[in-house]
Amino acid sequence: MSGVETDECRYFVSHGGVDLPPILVGATDAAAFSHRNTFIRAHFDRAGVLKGFDKVVYGEVELAHRYDYHDNGVIRRAEISGFDEEAVAPRFDEAGIRIARV
């Protein structure tokens, strides 16, 4: 799950919220980030479902999220890794309730 195969890449100013996947805010095109030090590069499948994102700070990926979903569209698993931290991979049941952290 560490890689992300997607059909579309979009760019955002930031992310927020406490739920997974987070809310991405400030959508814009890649050219708008040529003078920004921090931005979000998000990956979506053909249906527009967020498959993951990278928080880029000064050209380096500081935070990476990858997502898998149940057939009902609820998040099944997230893989979250930080620049200098061990990855965490919480799992969720079909109702979106956290069931495990590996």
C-alpha atoms as a PDB file:
ATOM      1  CA  MET A   1       0.000   0.000   0.000  1.00  0.00           C
ATOM      2  CA  SER A   2       2.991   2.318   0.214  1.00  0.00           C
ATOM      3  CA  GLY A   3       2.787   3.257  -3.466  1.00  0.00           C
ATOM      4  CA  VAL A   4      -0.188   4.970  -4.990  1.00  0.00           C
ATOM      5  CA  GLU A   5      -1.552   4.264  -8.459  1.00  0.00           C
ATOM      6  CA  THR A   6      -3.925   6.997  -9.496  1.00  0.00           C
ATOM      7  CA  ASP A   7      -5.511   8.616 -12.479  1.00  0.00           C
ATOM      8  CA  GLU A   8      -5.388  12.225 -11.352  1.00  0.00           C
ATOM      9  CA  CYS A   9      -3.124  14.405  -9.253  1.00  0.00           C
ATOM     10  CA  ARG A  10      -4.529  17.606  -7.719  1.00  0.00           C
ATOM     11  CA  TYR A  11      -2.930  20.259  -5.540  1.00  0.00           C
ATOM     12  CA  PHE A  12      -4.187  21.875  -2.336  1.00  0.00           C
ATOM     13  CA  VAL A  13      -3.000  24.505   0.115  1.00  0.00           C
ATOM     14  CA  SER A  14      -3.633  22.438   3.250  1.00  0.00           C
ATOM     15  CA  HIS A  15      -5.650  19.718   4.981  1.00  0.00           C
ATOM     16  CA  GLY A  16      -7.784  19.652   8.088  1.00  0.00           C
ATOM     17  CA  GLY A  17     -10.230  17.707  10.190  1.00  0.00           C
ATOM     18  CA  VAL A  18      -9.704  14.826  12.573  1.00  0.00           C
ATOM     19  CA  ASP A  19     -11.285  12.025  10.521  1.00  0.00           C
ATOM     20  CA  LEU A  20      -9.587   9.954   7.842  1.00  0.00           C
ATOM     21  CA  PRO A  21      -9.303  10.814   5.095  1.00  0.00           C
ATOM     22  CA  PRO A  22      -8.858  14.482   6.028  1.00  0.00           C
ATOM     23  CA  ILE A  23     -10.525  17.390   4.287  1.00  0.00           C
ATOM     24  CA  LEU A  24      -8.297  18.937   1.613  1.00  0.00           C
ATOM     25  CA  VAL A  25      -8.657  22.717   1.309  1.00  0.00           C
ATOM     26  CA  GLY A  26      -7.586  25.401  -1.123  1.00  0.00           C
ATOM     27  CA  ALA A  27      -7.611  23.488  -4.411  1.00  0.00           C
ATOM     28  CA  THR A  28      -5.507  25.089  -7.127  1.00  0.00           C
ATOM     29  CA  ASP A  29      -3.321  24.131 -10.076  1.00  0.00           C
ATOM     30  CA  ALA A  30       0.314  23.070  -9.833  1.00  0.00           C
ATOM     31  CA  ALA A  31       1.601  26.359 -11.266  1.00  0.00           C
ATOM     32  CA  ALA A  32       0.241  28.247  -8.254  1.00  0.00           C
ATOM     33  CA  PHE A  33       2.663  26.354  -6.016  1.00  0.00           C
ATOM     34  CA  SER A  34       5.853  27.418  -7.753  1.00  0.00           C
ATOM     35  CA  HIS A  35       6.413  30.017  -5.007  1.00  0.00           C
ATOM     36  CA  ARG A  36       4.958  28.075  -2.051  1.00  0.00           C
ATOM     37  CA  ASN A  37       7.124  26.228   0.458  1.00  0.00           C
ATOM     38  CA  THR A  38       4.326  23.899   1.601  1.00  0.00           C
ATOM     39  CA  PHE A  39       1.502  22.244  -0.323  1.00  0.00           C
ATOM     40  CA  ILE A  40      -0.522  19.039  -0.610  1.00  0.00           C
ATOM     41  CA  ARG A  41      -0.204  16.791  -3.684  1.00  0.00           C
ATOM     42  CA  ALA A  42      -3.282  14.531  -3.691  1.00  0.00           C
ATOM     43  CA  HIS A  43      -3.941  11.413  -5.769  1.00  0.00           C
ATOM     44  CA  PHE A  44      -7.424  10.404  -6.928  1.00  0.00           C
ATOM     45  CA  ASP A  45      -8.781   7.412  -8.857  1.00  0.00           C
ATOM     46  CA  ARG A  46     -11.042   7.678 -11.925  1.00  0.00           C
ATOM     47  CA  ALA A  47     -14.132   7.947  -9.720  1.00  0.00           C
ATOM     48  CA  GLY A  48     -12.637  10.912  -7.854  1.00  0.00           C
ATOM     49  CA  VAL A  49     -11.899   8.925  -4.681  1.00  0.00           C
ATOM     50  CA  LEU A  50      -8.872  10.138  -2.713  1.00  0.00           C
ATOM     51  CA  LYS A  51      -6.253   7.364  -2.741  1.00  0.00           C
ATOM     52  CA  GLY A  52      -3.559   9.296  -0.894  1.00  0.00           C
ATOM     53  CA  PHE A  53      -1.672  12.530  -0.528  1.00  0.00           C
ATOM     54  CA  ASP A  54       1.791  13.886   0.196  1.00  0.00           C
ATOM     55  CA  LYS A  55       2.446  17.022   2.228  1.00  0.00           C
ATOM     56  CA  VAL A  56       5.438  18.617   0.527  1.00  0.00           C
ATOM     57  CA  VAL A  57       7.591  21.036   2.535  1.00  0.00           C
ATOM     58  CA  TYR A  58      10.567  22.708   0.864  1.00  0.00           C
ATOM     59  CA  GLY A  59      10.523  20.062  -1.865  1.00  0.00           C
ATOM     60  CA  GLU A  60      10.567  17.065   0.507  1.00  0.00           C
ATOM     61  CA  VAL A  61       7.633  14.813   1.437  1.00  0.00           C
ATOM     62  CA  GLU A  62       7.060  15.490   5.141  1.00  0.00           C
ATOM     63  CA  LEU A  63       3.869  13.465   5.528  1.00  0.00           C
ATOM     64  CA  ALA A  64       2.302  10.757   3.355  1.00  0.00           C
ATOM     65  CA  HIS A  65      -1.165   9.185   3.567  1.00  0.00           C
ATOM     66  CA  ARG A  66      -2.440   6.224   1.505  1.00  0.00           C
ATOM     67  CA  TYR A  67      -5.995   4.854   1.657  1.00  0.00           C
ATOM     68  CA  ASP A  68      -7.926   1.692   0.830  1.00  0.00           C
ATOM     69  CA  TYR A  69     -11.719   1.580   0.972  1.00  0.00           C
ATOM     70  CA  HIS A  70     -14.446  -0.997   1.584  1.00  0.00           C
ATOM     71  CA  ASP A  71     -16.886  -1.639  -1.293  1.00  0.00           C
ATOM     72  CA  ASN A  72     -19.381   0.696   0.421  1.00  0.00           C
ATOM     73  CA  GLY A  73     -16.905   3.604   0.123  1.00  0.00           C
ATOM     74  CA  VAL A  74     -15.931   3.705   3.807  1.00  0.00           C
ATOM     75  CA  ILE A  75     -12.217   3.786   4.572  1.00  0.00           C
ATOM     76  CA  ARG A  76     -10.798   0.292   5.255  1.00  0.00           C
ATOM     77  CA  ARG A  77      -7.134   1.093   5.925  1.00  0.00           C
ATOM     78  CA  ALA A  78      -4.883   4.094   6.089  1.00  0.00           C
ATOM     79  CA  GLU A  79      -1.116   4.095   5.918  1.00  0.00           C
ATOM     80  CA  ILE A  80       0.367   7.223   7.438  1.00  0.00           C
ATOM     81  CA  SER A  81       4.070   7.972   7.471  1.00  0.00           C
ATOM     82  CA  GLY A  82       5.984  11.032   8.529  1.00  0.00           C
ATOM     83  CA  PHE A  83       9.407  12.258   7.518  1.00  0.00           C
ATOM     84  CA  ASP A  84      11.214  10.784  10.500  1.00  0.00           C
ATOM     85  CA  GLU A  85       8.542   8.582  12.049  1.00  0.00           C
ATOM     86  CA  GLU A  86       7.523   4.953  11.813  1.00  0.00           C
ATOM     87  CA  ALA A  87       4.436   4.388   9.644  1.00  0.00           C
ATOM     88  CA  VAL A  88       1.099   3.616  11.280  1.00  0.00           C
ATOM     89  CA  ALA A  89      -1.700   1.717   9.562  1.00  0.00           C
ATOM     90  CA  PRO A  90      -5.065   1.964  11.292  1.00  0.00           C
ATOM     91  CA  ARG A  91      -7.826  -0.337  10.007  1.00  0.00           C
ATOM     92  CA  PHE A  92     -11.565   0.316  10.010  1.00  0.00           C
ATOM     93  CA  ASP A  93     -14.683  -1.845   9.755  1.00  0.00           C
ATOM     94  CA  GLU A  94     -17.405  -1.240   7.151  1.00  0.00           C
ATOM     95  CA  ALA A  95     -19.032   1.316   9.457  1.00  0.00           C
ATOM     96  CA  GLY A  96     -15.789   3.307   9.654  1.00  0.00           C
ATOM     97  CA  ILE A  97     -14.993   2.303  13.240  1.00  0.00           C
ATOM     98  CA  ARG A  98     -11.314   1.785  13.989  1.00  0.00           C
ATOM     99  CA  ILE A  99     -10.585  -1.909  14.601  1.00  0.00           C
ATOM    100  CA  ALA A 100      -6.796  -2.259  14.573  1.00  0.00           C
ATOM    101  CA  ARG A 101      -3.567  -0.352  14.401  1.00  0.00           C
ATOM    102  CA  VAL A 102      -0.607  -2.184  12.903  1.00  0.00           C
END
